[in-house]
Amino acid sequence: MSSINNLSIQQLRQAANLKEKIVALEKQLSQLLGSTAKAVASPAPKKKKGGMSAAGKARIAAAQKARWAKVKAAKPAKVVKAAKPAKKKFVMSAAAKAKISAAVKARWAKIKAEKK
C-alpha cells in the first residue's frame, strides 16, 4: 500500500468514498446481526504523553523565585545620583534662520540652473 502523501487527489477521493461505503456496510451488518459484530471505528486520538502537573509547575516557579531573590540580595543597593540641572535649550535667532534659508535657496537655485 502506498503512502498517503504519494496519492493523487482522485485516489484520495476514491479512498474516502470506499471508507464511507465500508462504514455504511458495517452498520447494516451490525443491525442485521443484532449488534453482535463490532463496528470498526476510526482510532481515537492518542492522549498526549508527558506534561507537567500543577504541583510540579508550582515547585519550579518557587525555586526560580528563590534563585532571583538570592541574586537580587547579592547586588548592592543602587546609589541615587544627584539630578543634573536641565540644559538650556539652544534657540536660533530669526536673523540666523533667515541667513541659512537664503543660503539654501541660493544653493538649490544654482543646482537647478546647472541642470538646464
PDB file of N, CA and C in Angstrom:
ATOM      1  N   MET A   1       0.850  -1.183   0.000  1.00  0.00           N
ATOM      2  CA  MET A   1       0.000   0.000   0.000  1.00  0.00           C
ATOM      3  C   MET A   1       0.890   1.238   0.000  1.00  0.00           C
ATOM      4  N   SER A   2       0.586   2.180  -0.881  1.00  0.00           N
ATOM      5  CA  SER A   2       1.438   3.361  -0.988  1.00  0.00           C
ATOM      6  C   SER A   2       1.108   4.373   0.101  1.00  0.00           C
ATOM      7  N   SER A   3       2.050   5.248   0.336  1.00  0.00           N
ATOM      8  CA  SER A   3       1.874   6.267   1.363  1.00  0.00           C
ATOM      9  C   SER A   3       0.791   7.251   0.929  1.00  0.00           C
ATOM     10  N   ILE A   4       0.105   7.807   1.890  1.00  0.00           N
ATOM     11  CA  ILE A   4      -0.977   8.744   1.582  1.00  0.00           C
ATOM     12  C   ILE A   4      -0.447  10.016   0.916  1.00  0.00           C
ATOM     13  N   ASN A   5       0.815  10.325   1.167  1.00  0.00           N
ATOM     14  CA  ASN A   5       1.412  11.525   0.568  1.00  0.00           C
ATOM     15  C   ASN A   5       1.636  11.356  -0.927  1.00  0.00           C
ATOM     16  N   ASN A   6       1.758  10.117  -1.396  1.00  0.00           N
ATOM     17  CA  ASN A   6       2.039   9.857  -2.799  1.00  0.00           C
ATOM     18  C   ASN A   6       0.775   9.699  -3.637  1.00  0.00           C
ATOM     19  N   LEU A   7      -0.401   9.763  -3.021  1.00  0.00           N
ATOM     20  CA  LEU A   7      -1.660   9.575  -3.747  1.00  0.00           C
ATOM     21  C   LEU A   7      -2.109  10.872  -4.397  1.00  0.00           C
ATOM     22  N   SER A   8      -2.779  10.702  -5.546  1.00  0.00           N
ATOM     23  CA  SER A   8      -3.322  11.876  -6.227  1.00  0.00           C
ATOM     24  C   SER A   8      -4.645  12.258  -5.561  1.00  0.00           C
ATOM     25  N   ILE A   9      -5.171  13.410  -5.941  1.00  0.00           N
ATOM     26  CA  ILE A   9      -6.437  13.880  -5.361  1.00  0.00           C
ATOM     27  C   ILE A   9      -7.565  12.916  -5.717  1.00  0.00           C
ATOM     28  N   GLN A  10      -7.556  12.423  -6.935  1.00  0.00           N
ATOM     29  CA  GLN A  10      -8.595  11.486  -7.366  1.00  0.00           C
ATOM     30  C   GLN A  10      -8.529  10.198  -6.539  1.00  0.00           C
ATOM     31  N   GLN A  11      -7.325   9.696  -6.294  1.00  0.00           N
ATOM     32  CA  GLN A  11      -7.167   8.482  -5.498  1.00  0.00           C
ATOM     33  C   GLN A  11      -7.611   8.703  -4.057  1.00  0.00           C
ATOM     34  N   LEU A  12      -7.321   9.889  -3.519  1.00  0.00           N
ATOM     35  CA  LEU A  12      -7.758  10.198  -2.158  1.00  0.00           C
ATOM     36  C   LEU A  12      -9.278  10.239  -2.060  1.00  0.00           C
ATOM     37  N   ARG A  13      -9.922  10.826  -3.064  1.00  0.00           N
ATOM     38  CA  ARG A  13     -11.400  10.873  -3.070  1.00  0.00           C
ATOM     39  C   ARG A  13     -11.968   9.461  -3.133  1.00  0.00           C
ATOM     40  N   GLN A  14     -11.379   8.627  -4.006  1.00  0.00           N
ATOM     41  CA  GLN A  14     -11.842   7.252  -4.148  1.00  0.00           C
ATOM     42  C   GLN A  14     -11.676   6.500  -2.827  1.00  0.00           C
ATOM     43  N   ALA A  15     -10.547   6.708  -2.152  1.00  0.00           N
ATOM     44  CA  ALA A  15     -10.307   6.046  -0.872  1.00  0.00           C
ATOM     45  C   ALA A  15     -11.321   6.496   0.172  1.00  0.00           C
ATOM     46  N   ALA A  16     -11.635   7.793   0.194  1.00  0.00           N
ATOM     47  CA  ALA A  16     -12.618   8.311   1.148  1.00  0.00           C
ATOM     48  C   ALA A  16     -13.997   7.722   0.874  1.00  0.00           C
ATOM     49  N   ASN A  17     -14.360   7.599  -0.408  1.00  0.00           N
ATOM     50  CA  ASN A  17     -15.663   7.025  -0.767  1.00  0.00           C
ATOM     51  C   ASN A  17     -15.738   5.552  -0.342  1.00  0.00           C
ATOM     52  N   LEU A  18     -14.668   4.799  -0.570  1.00  0.00           N
ATOM     53  CA  LEU A  18     -14.647   3.398  -0.167  1.00  0.00           C
ATOM     54  C   LEU A  18     -14.781   3.257   1.348  1.00  0.00           C
ATOM     55  N   LYS A  19     -14.094   4.124   2.083  1.00  0.00           N
ATOM     56  CA  LYS A  19     -14.156   4.082   3.545  1.00  0.00           C
ATOM     57  C   LYS A  19     -15.591   4.339   4.017  1.00  0.00           C
ATOM     58  N   GLU A  20     -16.261   5.312   3.391  1.00  0.00           N
ATOM     59  CA  GLU A  20     -17.649   5.603   3.763  1.00  0.00           C
ATOM     60  C   GLU A  20     -18.551   4.409   3.483  1.00  0.00           C
ATOM     61  N   LYS A  21     -18.325   3.741   2.327  1.00  0.00           N
ATOM     62  CA  LYS A  21     -19.137   2.561   1.989  1.00  0.00           C
ATOM     63  C   LYS A  21     -18.902   1.443   3.003  1.00  0.00           C
ATOM     64  N   ILE A  22     -17.647   1.243   3.404  1.00  0.00           N
ATOM     65  CA  ILE A  22     -17.323   0.190   4.382  1.00  0.00           C
ATOM     66  C   ILE A  22     -18.032   0.460   5.706  1.00  0.00           C
ATOM     67  N   VAL A  23     -17.990   1.695   6.153  1.00  0.00           N
ATOM     68  CA  VAL A  23     -18.636   2.056   7.419  1.00  0.00           C
ATOM     69  C   VAL A  23     -20.138   1.827   7.323  1.00  0.00           C
ATOM     70  N   ALA A  24     -20.745   2.207   6.166  1.00  0.00           N
ATOM     71  CA  ALA A  24     -22.186   2.020   5.993  1.00  0.00           C
ATOM     72  C   ALA A  24     -22.539   0.533   5.982  1.00  0.00           C
ATOM     73  N   LEU A  25     -21.727  -0.291   5.291  1.00  0.00           N
ATOM     74  CA  LEU A  25     -21.991  -1.729   5.248  1.00  0.00           C
ATOM     75  C   LEU A  25     -21.831  -2.374   6.622  1.00  0.00           C
ATOM     76  N   GLU A  26     -20.836  -1.957   7.378  1.00  0.00           N
ATOM     77  CA  GLU A  26     -20.647  -2.496   8.734  1.00  0.00           C
ATOM     78  C   GLU A  26     -21.826  -2.137   9.630  1.00  0.00           C
ATOM     79  N   LYS A  27     -22.358  -0.942   9.428  1.00  0.00           N
ATOM     80  CA  LYS A  27     -23.520  -0.517  10.221  1.00  0.00           C
ATOM     81  C   LYS A  27     -24.725  -1.394   9.897  1.00  0.00           C
ATOM     82  N   GLN A  28     -24.931  -1.662   8.584  1.00  0.00           N
ATOM     83  CA  GLN A  28     -26.040  -2.532   8.178  1.00  0.00           C
ATOM     84  C   GLN A  28     -25.859  -3.941   8.746  1.00  0.00           C
ATOM     85  N   LEU A  29     -24.623  -4.429   8.699  1.00  0.00           N
ATOM     86  CA  LEU A  29     -24.352  -5.766   9.205  1.00  0.00           C
ATOM     87  C   LEU A  29     -24.634  -5.860  10.703  1.00  0.00           C
ATOM     88  N   SER A  30     -24.231  -4.845  11.431  1.00  0.00           N
ATOM     89  CA  SER A  30     -24.473  -4.871  12.879  1.00  0.00           C
ATOM     90  C   SER A  30     -25.959  -4.814  13.190  1.00  0.00           C
ATOM     91  N   GLN A  31     -26.753  -4.119  12.352  1.00  0.00           N
ATOM     92  CA  GLN A  31     -28.192  -4.073  12.571  1.00  0.00           C
ATOM     93  C   GLN A  31     -28.820  -5.438  12.271  1.00  0.00           C
ATOM     94  N   LEU A  32     -28.308  -6.118  11.225  1.00  0.00           N
ATOM     95  CA  LEU A  32     -28.830  -7.427  10.865  1.00  0.00           C
ATOM     96  C   LEU A  32     -28.533  -8.471  11.936  1.00  0.00           C
ATOM     97  N   LEU A  33     -27.320  -8.439  12.441  1.00  0.00           N
ATOM     98  CA  LEU A  33     -26.896  -9.445  13.405  1.00  0.00           C
ATOM     99  C   LEU A  33     -27.247  -9.077  14.840  1.00  0.00           C
ATOM    100  N   GLY A  34     -27.896  -7.985  15.032  1.00  0.00           N
ATOM    101  CA  GLY A  34     -28.302  -7.588  16.378  1.00  0.00           C
ATOM    102  C   GLY A  34     -27.152  -7.048  17.193  1.00  0.00           C
ATOM    103  N   SER A  35     -26.292  -6.294  16.572  1.00  0.00           N
ATOM    104  CA  SER A  35     -25.171  -5.622  17.227  1.00  0.00           C
ATOM    105  C   SER A  35     -24.160  -6.581  17.837  1.00  0.00           C
ATOM    106  N   THR A  36     -24.088  -7.846  17.337  1.00  0.00           N
ATOM    107  CA  THR A  36     -23.077  -8.750  17.861  1.00  0.00           C
ATOM    108  C   THR A  36     -21.727  -8.490  17.211  1.00  0.00           C
ATOM    109  N   ALA A  37     -21.749  -8.009  15.966  1.00  0.00           N
ATOM    110  CA  ALA A  37     -20.486  -7.697  15.289  1.00  0.00           C
ATOM    111  C   ALA A  37     -20.026  -6.325  15.749  1.00  0.00           C
ATOM    112  N   LYS A  38     -18.753  -6.234  16.002  1.00  0.00           N
ATOM    113  CA  LYS A  38     -18.195  -4.975  16.495  1.00  0.00           C
ATOM    114  C   LYS A  38     -17.869  -4.078  15.312  1.00  0.00           C
ATOM    115  N   ALA A  39     -18.415  -2.892  15.294  1.00  0.00           N
ATOM    116  CA  ALA A  39     -18.155  -1.950  14.204  1.00  0.00           C
ATOM    117  C   ALA A  39     -16.746  -1.397  14.341  1.00  0.00           C
ATOM    118  N   VAL A  40     -16.085  -1.282  13.205  1.00  0.00           N
ATOM    119  CA  VAL A  40     -14.727  -0.742  13.210  1.00  0.00           C
ATOM    120  C   VAL A  40     -14.824   0.776  13.185  1.00  0.00           C
ATOM    121  N   ALA A  41     -14.344   1.376  14.210  1.00  0.00           N
ATOM    122  CA  ALA A  41     -14.391   2.842  14.293  1.00  0.00           C
ATOM    123  C   ALA A  41     -13.001   3.396  14.045  1.00  0.00           C
ATOM    124  N   SER A  42     -12.958   4.640  13.692  1.00  0.00           N
ATOM    125  CA  SER A  42     -11.654   5.271  13.494  1.00  0.00           C
ATOM    126  C   SER A  42     -10.957   5.356  14.847  1.00  0.00           C
ATOM    127  N   PRO A  43      -9.650   5.193  14.867  1.00  0.00           N
ATOM    128  CA  PRO A  43      -8.945   5.194  16.147  1.00  0.00           C
ATOM    129  C   PRO A  43      -9.103   6.532  16.862  1.00  0.00           C
ATOM    130  N   ALA A  44      -9.255   6.443  18.176  1.00  0.00           N
ATOM    131  CA  ALA A  44      -9.394   7.659  18.980  1.00  0.00           C
ATOM    132  C   ALA A  44      -8.069   8.401  18.971  1.00  0.00           C
ATOM    133  N   PRO A  45      -8.114   9.721  19.059  1.00  0.00           N
ATOM    134  CA  PRO A  45      -6.859  10.462  19.078  1.00  0.00           C
ATOM    135  C   PRO A  45      -6.023  10.049  20.287  1.00  0.00           C
ATOM    136  N   LYS A  46      -4.726   9.919  20.055  1.00  0.00           N
ATOM    137  CA  LYS A  46      -3.848   9.470  21.136  1.00  0.00           C
ATOM    138  C   LYS A  46      -3.725  10.550  22.199  1.00  0.00           C
ATOM    139  N   LYS A  47      -3.697  10.086  23.426  1.00  0.00           N
ATOM    140  CA  LYS A  47      -3.562  11.011  24.536  1.00  0.00           C
ATOM    141  C   LYS A  47      -2.128  11.519  24.586  1.00  0.00           C
ATOM    142  N   LYS A  48      -1.989  12.780  24.846  1.00  0.00           N
ATOM    143  CA  LYS A  48      -0.666  13.378  24.893  1.00  0.00           C
ATOM    144  C   LYS A  48       0.110  12.834  26.081  1.00  0.00           C
ATOM    145  N   LYS A  49       1.326  12.395  25.801  1.00  0.00           N
ATOM    146  CA  LYS A  49       2.158  11.867  26.885  1.00  0.00           C
ATOM    147  C   LYS A  49       2.973  13.005  27.483  1.00  0.00           C
ATOM    148  N   GLY A  50       3.424  12.795  28.659  1.00  0.00           N
ATOM    149  CA  GLY A  50       4.281  13.782  29.308  1.00  0.00           C
ATOM    150  C   GLY A  50       3.446  14.887  29.932  1.00  0.00           C
ATOM    151  N   GLY A  51       3.970  16.070  29.882  1.00  0.00           N
ATOM    152  CA  GLY A  51       3.283  17.179  30.515  1.00  0.00           C
ATOM    153  C   GLY A  51       3.759  17.325  31.944  1.00  0.00           C
ATOM    154  N   MET A  52       3.198  18.273  32.625  1.00  0.00           N
ATOM    155  CA  MET A  52       3.638  18.529  33.988  1.00  0.00           C
ATOM    156  C   MET A  52       2.421  18.840  34.846  1.00  0.00           C
ATOM    157  N   SER A  53       2.436  18.350  36.059  1.00  0.00           N
ATOM    158  CA  SER A  53       1.330  18.597  36.971  1.00  0.00           C
ATOM    159  C   SER A  53       1.406  20.028  37.497  1.00  0.00           C
ATOM    160  N   ALA A  54       0.309  20.489  38.048  1.00  0.00           N
ATOM    161  CA  ALA A  54       0.270  21.834  38.615  1.00  0.00           C
ATOM    162  C   ALA A  54       1.241  21.946  39.787  1.00  0.00           C
ATOM    163  N   ALA A  55       1.372  20.876  40.553  1.00  0.00           N
ATOM    164  CA  ALA A  55       2.296  20.890  41.691  1.00  0.00           C
ATOM    165  C   ALA A  55       3.740  21.008  41.201  1.00  0.00           C
ATOM    166  N   GLY A  56       4.064  20.314  40.119  1.00  0.00           N
ATOM    167  CA  GLY A  56       5.405  20.391  39.552  1.00  0.00           C
ATOM    168  C   GLY A  56       5.724  21.794  39.059  1.00  0.00           C
ATOM    169  N   LYS A  57       4.747  22.407  38.401  1.00  0.00           N
ATOM    170  CA  LYS A  57       4.936  23.789  37.925  1.00  0.00           C
ATOM    171  C   LYS A  57       5.134  24.745  39.096  1.00  0.00           C
ATOM    172  N   ALA A  58       4.376  24.532  40.167  1.00  0.00           N
ATOM    173  CA  ALA A  58       4.486  25.395  41.347  1.00  0.00           C
ATOM    174  C   ALA A  58       5.861  25.259  41.997  1.00  0.00           C
ATOM    175  N   ARG A  59       6.390  24.021  42.055  1.00  0.00           N
ATOM    176  CA  ARG A  59       7.727  23.813  42.630  1.00  0.00           C
ATOM    177  C   ARG A  59       8.797  24.522  41.806  1.00  0.00           C
ATOM    178  N   ILE A  60       8.683  24.426  40.490  1.00  0.00           N
ATOM    179  CA  ILE A  60       9.663  25.080  39.618  1.00  0.00           C
ATOM    180  C   ILE A  60       9.589  26.594  39.776  1.00  0.00           C
ATOM    181  N   ALA A  61       8.361  27.143  39.820  1.00  0.00           N
ATOM    182  CA  ALA A  61       8.197  28.590  39.976  1.00  0.00           C
ATOM    183  C   ALA A  61       8.770  29.063  41.307  1.00  0.00           C
ATOM    184  N   ALA A  62       8.529  28.302  42.372  1.00  0.00           N
ATOM    185  CA  ALA A  62       9.047  28.685  43.689  1.00  0.00           C
ATOM    186  C   ALA A  62      10.571  28.659  43.704  1.00  0.00           C
ATOM    187  N   ALA A  63      11.157  27.647  43.052  1.00  0.00           N
ATOM    188  CA  ALA A  63      12.620  27.566  43.004  1.00  0.00           C
ATOM    189  C   ALA A  63      13.205  28.734  42.217  1.00  0.00           C
ATOM    190  N   GLN A  64      12.553  29.093  41.124  1.00  0.00           N
ATOM    191  CA  GLN A  64      13.046  30.214  40.307  1.00  0.00           C
ATOM    192  C   GLN A  64      12.950  31.528  41.083  1.00  0.00           C
ATOM    193  N   LYS A  65      11.858  31.725  41.818  1.00  0.00           N
ATOM    194  CA  LYS A  65      11.713  32.945  42.623  1.00  0.00           C
ATOM    195  C   LYS A  65      12.799  33.011  43.694  1.00  0.00           C
ATOM    196  N   ALA A  66      13.120  31.861  44.286  1.00  0.00           N
ATOM    197  CA  ALA A  66      14.173  31.814  45.307  1.00  0.00           C
ATOM    198  C   ALA A  66      15.521  32.177  44.696  1.00  0.00           C
ATOM    199  N   ARG A  67      15.797  31.660  43.482  1.00  0.00           N
ATOM    200  CA  ARG A  67      17.065  31.991  42.814  1.00  0.00           C
ATOM    201  C   ARG A  67      17.164  33.482  42.536  1.00  0.00           C
ATOM    202  N   TRP A  68      16.087  34.085  42.045  1.00  0.00           N
ATOM    203  CA  TRP A  68      16.112  35.528  41.758  1.00  0.00           C
ATOM    204  C   TRP A  68      16.246  36.342  43.043  1.00  0.00           C
ATOM    205  N   ALA A  69      15.611  35.905  44.106  1.00  0.00           N
ATOM    206  CA  ALA A  69      15.730  36.616  45.380  1.00  0.00           C
ATOM    207  C   ALA A  69      17.181  36.598  45.857  1.00  0.00           C
ATOM    208  N   LYS A  70      17.853  35.462  45.673  1.00  0.00           N
ATOM    209  CA  LYS A  70      19.258  35.344  46.066  1.00  0.00           C
ATOM    210  C   LYS A  70      20.129  36.278  45.226  1.00  0.00           C
ATOM    211  N   VAL A  71      19.853  36.350  43.921  1.00  0.00           N
ATOM    212  CA  VAL A  71      20.636  37.218  43.031  1.00  0.00           C
ATOM    213  C   VAL A  71      20.428  38.685  43.401  1.00  0.00           C
ATOM    214  N   LYS A  72      19.183  39.045  43.644  1.00  0.00           N
ATOM    215  CA  LYS A  72      18.882  40.443  43.982  1.00  0.00           C
ATOM    216  C   LYS A  72      19.463  40.837  45.339  1.00  0.00           C
ATOM    217  N   ALA A  73      19.499  39.891  46.265  1.00  0.00           N
ATOM    218  CA  ALA A  73      20.047  40.178  47.590  1.00  0.00           C
ATOM    219  C   ALA A  73      21.560  40.360  47.526  1.00  0.00           C
ATOM    220  N   ALA A  74      22.222  39.708  46.587  1.00  0.00           N
ATOM    221  CA  ALA A  74      23.681  39.783  46.474  1.00  0.00           C
ATOM    222  C   ALA A  74      24.143  41.112  45.871  1.00  0.00           C
ATOM    223  N   LYS A  75      23.291  41.767  45.101  1.00  0.00           N
ATOM    224  CA  LYS A  75      23.668  43.037  44.467  1.00  0.00           C
ATOM    225  C   LYS A  75      23.597  44.170  45.486  1.00  0.00           C
ATOM    226  N   PRO A  76      24.564  45.103  45.428  1.00  0.00           N
ATOM    227  CA  PRO A  76      24.481  46.254  46.336  1.00  0.00           C
ATOM    228  C   PRO A  76      23.361  47.190  45.891  1.00  0.00           C
ATOM    229  N   ALA A  77      22.863  47.941  46.858  1.00  0.00           N
ATOM    230  CA  ALA A  77      21.779  48.872  46.557  1.00  0.00           C
ATOM    231  C   ALA A  77      22.288  49.944  45.610  1.00  0.00           C
ATOM    232  N   LYS A  78      21.432  50.398  44.724  1.00  0.00           N
ATOM    233  CA  LYS A  78      21.821  51.427  43.762  1.00  0.00           C
ATOM    234  C   LYS A  78      21.993  52.764  44.467  1.00  0.00           C
ATOM    235  N   VAL A  79      23.032  53.464  44.065  1.00  0.00           N
ATOM    236  CA  VAL A  79      23.276  54.789  44.625  1.00  0.00           C
ATOM    237  C   VAL A  79      22.554  55.798  43.736  1.00  0.00           C
ATOM    238  N   VAL A  80      21.739  56.612  44.347  1.00  0.00           N
ATOM    239  CA  VAL A  80      20.985  57.599  43.591  1.00  0.00           C
ATOM    240  C   VAL A  80      21.869  58.817  43.382  1.00  0.00           C
ATOM    241  N   LYS A  81      22.087  59.157  42.141  1.00  0.00           N
ATOM    242  CA  LYS A  81      22.918  60.311  41.820  1.00  0.00           C
ATOM    243  C   LYS A  81      22.072  61.568  41.884  1.00  0.00           C
ATOM    244  N   ALA A  82      22.754  62.666  42.187  1.00  0.00           N
ATOM    245  CA  ALA A  82      22.054  63.952  42.230  1.00  0.00           C
ATOM    246  C   ALA A  82      21.623  64.305  40.816  1.00  0.00           C
ATOM    247  N   ALA A  83      20.438  64.839  40.707  1.00  0.00           N
ATOM    248  CA  ALA A  83      19.911  65.195  39.395  1.00  0.00           C
ATOM    249  C   ALA A  83      20.694  66.371  38.828  1.00  0.00           C
ATOM    250  N   LYS A  84      21.041  66.256  37.553  1.00  0.00           N
ATOM    251  CA  LYS A  84      21.760  67.344  36.892  1.00  0.00           C
ATOM    252  C   LYS A  84      20.756  68.429  36.527  1.00  0.00           C
ATOM    253  N   PRO A  85      21.207  69.673  36.576  1.00  0.00           N
ATOM    254  CA  PRO A  85      20.294  70.734  36.151  1.00  0.00           C
ATOM    255  C   PRO A  85      20.029  70.597  34.646  1.00  0.00           C
ATOM    256  N   ALA A  86      18.822  70.910  34.250  1.00  0.00           N
ATOM    257  CA  ALA A  86      18.443  70.787  32.846  1.00  0.00           C
ATOM    258  C   ALA A  86      19.246  71.767  32.010  1.00  0.00           C
ATOM    259  N   LYS A  87      19.710  71.277  30.859  1.00  0.00           N
ATOM    260  CA  LYS A  87      20.481  72.139  29.975  1.00  0.00           C
ATOM    261  C   LYS A  87      19.544  73.126  29.308  1.00  0.00           C
ATOM    262  N   LYS A  88      20.080  74.312  29.056  1.00  0.00           N
ATOM    263  CA  LYS A  88      19.290  75.335  28.384  1.00  0.00           C
ATOM    264  C   LYS A  88      19.178  74.947  26.919  1.00  0.00           C
ATOM    265  N   LYS A  89      17.994  75.008  26.393  1.00  0.00           N
ATOM    266  CA  LYS A  89      17.735  74.623  25.025  1.00  0.00           C
ATOM    267  C   LYS A  89      18.286  75.694  24.088  1.00  0.00           C
ATOM    268  N   PHE A  90      18.984  75.256  23.029  1.00  0.00           N
ATOM    269  CA  PHE A  90      19.550  76.187  22.067  1.00  0.00           C
ATOM    270  C   PHE A  90      18.433  76.701  21.177  1.00  0.00           C
ATOM    271  N   VAL A  91      18.331  78.019  21.091  1.00  0.00           N
ATOM    272  CA  VAL A  91      17.315  78.643  20.254  1.00  0.00           C
ATOM    273  C   VAL A  91      18.031  79.525  19.243  1.00  0.00           C
ATOM    274  N   MET A  92      17.710  79.326  17.972  1.00  0.00           N
ATOM    275  CA  MET A  92      18.332  80.093  16.898  1.00  0.00           C
ATOM    276  C   MET A  92      17.553  81.391  16.704  1.00  0.00           C
ATOM    277  N   SER A  93      18.296  82.450  16.470  1.00  0.00           N
ATOM    278  CA  SER A  93      17.641  83.745  16.268  1.00  0.00           C
ATOM    279  C   SER A  93      16.969  83.768  14.905  1.00  0.00           C
ATOM    280  N   ALA A  94      16.040  84.680  14.746  1.00  0.00           N
ATOM    281  CA  ALA A  94      15.312  84.810  13.484  1.00  0.00           C
ATOM    282  C   ALA A  94      16.267  85.218  12.363  1.00  0.00           C
ATOM    283  N   ALA A  95      17.242  86.072  12.672  1.00  0.00           N
ATOM    284  CA  ALA A  95      18.197  86.529  11.655  1.00  0.00           C
ATOM    285  C   ALA A  95      19.050  85.351  11.168  1.00  0.00           C
ATOM    286  N   ALA A  96      19.461  84.471  12.089  1.00  0.00           N
ATOM    287  CA  ALA A  96      20.270  83.313  11.718  1.00  0.00           C
ATOM    288  C   ALA A  96      19.463  82.361  10.843  1.00  0.00           C
ATOM    289  N   LYS A  97      18.184  82.143  11.185  1.00  0.00           N
ATOM    290  CA  LYS A  97      17.319  81.276  10.385  1.00  0.00           C
ATOM    291  C   LYS A  97      17.158  81.825   8.979  1.00  0.00           C
ATOM    292  N   ALA A  98      16.975  83.145   8.861  1.00  0.00           N
ATOM    293  CA  ALA A  98      16.804  83.781   7.554  1.00  0.00           C
ATOM    294  C   ALA A  98      18.068  83.648   6.718  1.00  0.00           C
ATOM    295  N   LYS A  99      19.229  83.793   7.359  1.00  0.00           N
ATOM    296  CA  LYS A  99      20.508  83.704   6.655  1.00  0.00           C
ATOM    297  C   LYS A  99      20.714  82.283   6.109  1.00  0.00           C
ATOM    298  N   ILE A 100      20.416  81.258   6.933  1.00  0.00           N
ATOM    299  CA  ILE A 100      20.554  79.865   6.498  1.00  0.00           C
ATOM    300  C   ILE A 100      19.572  79.553   5.374  1.00  0.00           C
ATOM    301  N   SER A 101      18.340  80.018   5.511  1.00  0.00           N
ATOM    302  CA  SER A 101      17.318  79.787   4.494  1.00  0.00           C
ATOM    303  C   SER A 101      17.722  80.384   3.161  1.00  0.00           C
ATOM    304  N   ALA A 102      18.271  81.622   3.182  1.00  0.00           N
ATOM    305  CA  ALA A 102      18.704  82.282   1.948  1.00  0.00           C
ATOM    306  C   ALA A 102      19.846  81.504   1.299  1.00  0.00           C
ATOM    307  N   ALA A 103      20.784  80.994   2.096  1.00  0.00           N
ATOM    308  CA  ALA A 103      21.906  80.225   1.567  1.00  0.00           C
ATOM    309  C   ALA A 103      21.427  78.931   0.921  1.00  0.00           C
ATOM    310  N   VAL A 104      20.468  78.252   1.538  1.00  0.00           N
ATOM    311  CA  VAL A 104      19.936  77.001   0.988  1.00  0.00           C
ATOM    312  C   VAL A 104      19.203  77.262  -0.321  1.00  0.00           C
ATOM    313  N   LYS A 105      18.408  78.323  -0.356  1.00  0.00           N
ATOM    314  CA  LYS A 105      17.678  78.660  -1.584  1.00  0.00           C
ATOM    315  C   LYS A 105      18.647  78.980  -2.713  1.00  0.00           C
ATOM    316  N   ALA A 106      19.710  79.692  -2.393  1.00  0.00           N
ATOM    317  CA  ALA A 106      20.710  80.035  -3.418  1.00  0.00           C
ATOM    318  C   ALA A 106      21.402  78.775  -3.925  1.00  0.00           C
ATOM    319  N   ARG A 107      21.724  77.854  -3.024  1.00  0.00           N
ATOM    320  CA  ARG A 107      22.378  76.606  -3.399  1.00  0.00           C
ATOM    321  C   ARG A 107      21.493  75.791  -4.335  1.00  0.00           C
ATOM    322  N   TRP A 108      20.194  75.673  -4.010  1.00  0.00           N
ATOM    323  CA  TRP A 108      19.274  74.913  -4.854  1.00  0.00           C
ATOM    324  C   TRP A 108      19.055  75.615  -6.192  1.00  0.00           C
ATOM    325  N   ALA A 109      18.999  76.905  -6.182  1.00  0.00           N
ATOM    326  CA  ALA A 109      18.831  77.644  -7.440  1.00  0.00           C
ATOM    327  C   ALA A 109      20.022  77.388  -8.360  1.00  0.00           C
ATOM    328  N   LYS A 110      21.234  77.350  -7.801  1.00  0.00           N
ATOM    329  CA  LYS A 110      22.444  77.093  -8.578  1.00  0.00           C
ATOM    330  C   LYS A 110      22.402  75.677  -9.163  1.00  0.00           C
ATOM    331  N   ILE A 111      21.966  74.652  -8.345  1.00  0.00           N
ATOM    332  CA  ILE A 111      21.903  73.269  -8.803  1.00  0.00           C
ATOM    333  C   ILE A 111      20.882  73.122  -9.931  1.00  0.00           C
ATOM    334  N   LYS A 112      19.729  73.775  -9.787  1.00  0.00           N
ATOM    335  CA  LYS A 112      18.698  73.701 -10.818  1.00  0.00           C
ATOM    336  C   LYS A 112      19.139  74.397 -12.089  1.00  0.00           C
ATOM    337  N   ALA A 113      19.883  75.492 -11.971  1.00  0.00           N
ATOM    338  CA  ALA A 113      20.365  76.218 -13.142  1.00  0.00           C
ATOM    339  C   ALA A 113      21.393  75.380 -13.914  1.00  0.00           C
ATOM    340  N   GLU A 114      22.209  74.622 -13.208  1.00  0.00           N
ATOM    341  CA  GLU A 114      23.214  73.767 -13.853  1.00  0.00           C
ATOM    342  C   GLU A 114      22.581  72.612 -14.613  1.00  0.00           C
ATOM    343  N   LYS A 115      21.419  72.132 -14.165  1.00  0.00           N
ATOM    344  CA  LYS A 115      20.745  71.026 -14.825  1.00  0.00           C
ATOM    345  C   LYS A 115      20.150  71.445 -16.153  1.00  0.00           C
ATOM    346  N   LYS A 116      19.809  72.720 -16.328  1.00  0.00           N
ATOM    347  CA  LYS A 116      19.163  73.192 -17.570  1.00  0.00           C
ATOM    348  C   LYS A 116      20.073  73.312 -18.698  1.00  0.00           C
TER     349      LYS A 116
END
